[in-house]
Amino acid sequence: MIQPVILSGGAGTRLWPLSREEYPKQLLPLNSERTMLQETAARLEGLANIADPMVVCNEAHRFLVAEQMRQQTGAASTIILEPVGRNTAPAVAVAALQALSNGADPVLLVLPADHLIARVDLFQQAVAAGLALAQDGKLVTFGIVPDAPETGYGYIRAGESLRVKGKGGEALSPQDSLLTPCAVDSFVEKPDLATAQSYLDCGGYYWNSGMFMFKASRYLAELETFHPKMLAACQQAQAGMLCDLDFLRLEAELFAACPADSIDYAVMEKTADAVVIPLDAGWNDVGSWSALWEVGDQSQAGNVIRGDVLMESTKNCYLHAESRLIATVGIENLVVVETADAILVADKDRVQDVKNIVSQLKQQKRSEALLHRQVSRPWGSYECVDAGERFQVKRITVHPGGKLSLQMHHHRAEHWVVVQGTARVTCGDELRLVCENESIYIPIGARHRLENNGILPLELIEVQSGSYLGEDDIVRFEDRYGR
C-alpha cells in the first residue's frame, strides 16, 4: 500500500502579492483552474494500491486545506496540524507515526503541495519504479533531469546503477527498464553558475525535487539512528495528539520543542540506502514569477496573461490582473501582478528579491504580508470595502449551511444589510429571519450569530462603527469550528 503524504506548510513569499502567509501559493490556482494542492492530489489518480492522501499543514490553513481536498477527492482527508513549522523531517515523522498507528506499515510517498508536473504519466511510472525499491528497504528520492545550469536548486550526484525487479520478481538490467535507479553518491548544495554548468556538462547530476518514497518504519529507524532527539519529540507530540473535528492536532508545546531540519539533512544525506530515480516529466517548483512565466501559455511576443490585460509593444512579460484592468505600453521582461490591495512591478530577472519586499512588510507590521483584502473563513469569506477612523464596511459571504460563532463585541456595533439570500440572525434573546433588502442592527455588547440555512450563498453588507474595529474584539461563546 502506498500512503501519500502531502506537505502543505510553505509560505511562498516569492510569489507575493498573490501568495500571502495566511493564503500561500499551494492553495492558489496559479497554472490551472485547480489549486496546486488539488493538482498534487489529482496527480495520484490512477496509481495502483494507493490510499487517500494524508496532509500535513499549518494550523492556520486547516479549513482551506480541508475544503480543497474535499472538492478534489470527494471525501474527508486525514489532516495533521502543525502548531509551528519545523521543516520537512519532523512533518514526515509524525505522518509515519500516524500511518503506523493505523496498524499498517505502508510505503510513504512524500510530495510537496506546491510543484507542477506536466507529464503525470511519467511521474506515475517513476512512483511505480520507486515502490519496489522502497519495499526492499531503500529510501528513494526523485532527481529532476536538469535542462539548464540552475543555481537555485540543490543537486543529487548519482552513483552506481541498480537493478530493479520486474513484476514476476525477475531482475531487470537498467537498459531494460524505463527508469534507471542509482545509488545516491552525494547531495550537493546550491552551486554557483560555473559549477552548475559543469554538472550539466558531465551528466549524472539531478535537481533535488524534495519528493521521496520509503516505508514508514524504515524512515523512523533511520531517524532514530541519525536524529534521535527529533524522533523522540515527534513521538511525544504524536502521542499527545487530539482529534479536533476532521483534524489531528499535535501537542503544541512538545512539537514546538522538536529540532527543525529537512529530510535531506536529517536522514537522506546520512543513510547508506538512499536511491535516486531520474525524472524528466516537466517538473517545476514554481518558486518565482519567472517560473510561472516559463510554464505559462506564451504568446508570439512571449507574454503570459492572466485576467483583464491590454498591451501595446509589450514583450516577454508576465501580466496578472486580479481585480482591475492592467494596460502596458512599451515594456519588456517585466512582471506585473495586480491584486485588490497591492501591485507588484519587477524585472523578470530580479523576481527572487520579492521576498525582500515581504520582509519589509512584516517589519512594518503591514497586513498585506499576511492577508488578502478578501479573507477566507470556514463559513465563507469577508472583504473590507471601505474603512475610516471609526467605521468599517465589509462584504460578507456565508456558504449554504454556514454558521458563524455566537459572539459579542466590546467596542463596536454592527448594522447588517442583506443583499442576497436569507439570514437567520440571533441578536440577544431574539431570533429572526432577515431577507433581501432588509437589515438588522447589532448593538455593542449584544450576543449575536449569523447563519445561512438556505441552498444559495448569503451575501450582506456589514457596517461597523465604534472606537475599536480590530478582528481581536470578538468574544466567542459557541463555535462549531473549534476556534
Foldseek 3Di string as FASTA:
>chain_A
DEEEEEEEADQLLLPPPVGFNLCHQLLDPLADPAGLLLVVQVLCPPAPPYDRYEYEYAPSCVLSNQVSSCVRVVDGHAYAHAPDDQAALLSLLLVLVVVVVVPDWHKYKYHYSQKDFQFSVLVSLLVVQVRQLQVVLFKEFAFEQDPALDQPFKKWAFDAWDWGADPVRHTDDQVRDPWIKGFTPAIGHRDPSVVSVVCNVVDRMGTGRLIIIHTSVSSLVQLCVQPVQQSVLSVQQSVPWDCAPSYTYTDHVSNVPHHGDYCCVRGVRPDRRYMYIYGHGRMDSCSHPLSSLVPADADPQSEHEADAEAEACEHNEYEHEDDDYHYYYNYYQWYWHDDPPDIDIGRVVCSVCSSVVLVVCVVVPHCSNHDGQWAADSQGIKGWDDDDQFKTKIKTKGAAFGKFFFKAFQWKKKKKAWQAAWKFKDWAPDTDIAHHRGMDIHDHPTGMMIGHNDNHMTIIMMMMGGNDDDPVRIDGDDGSNRD
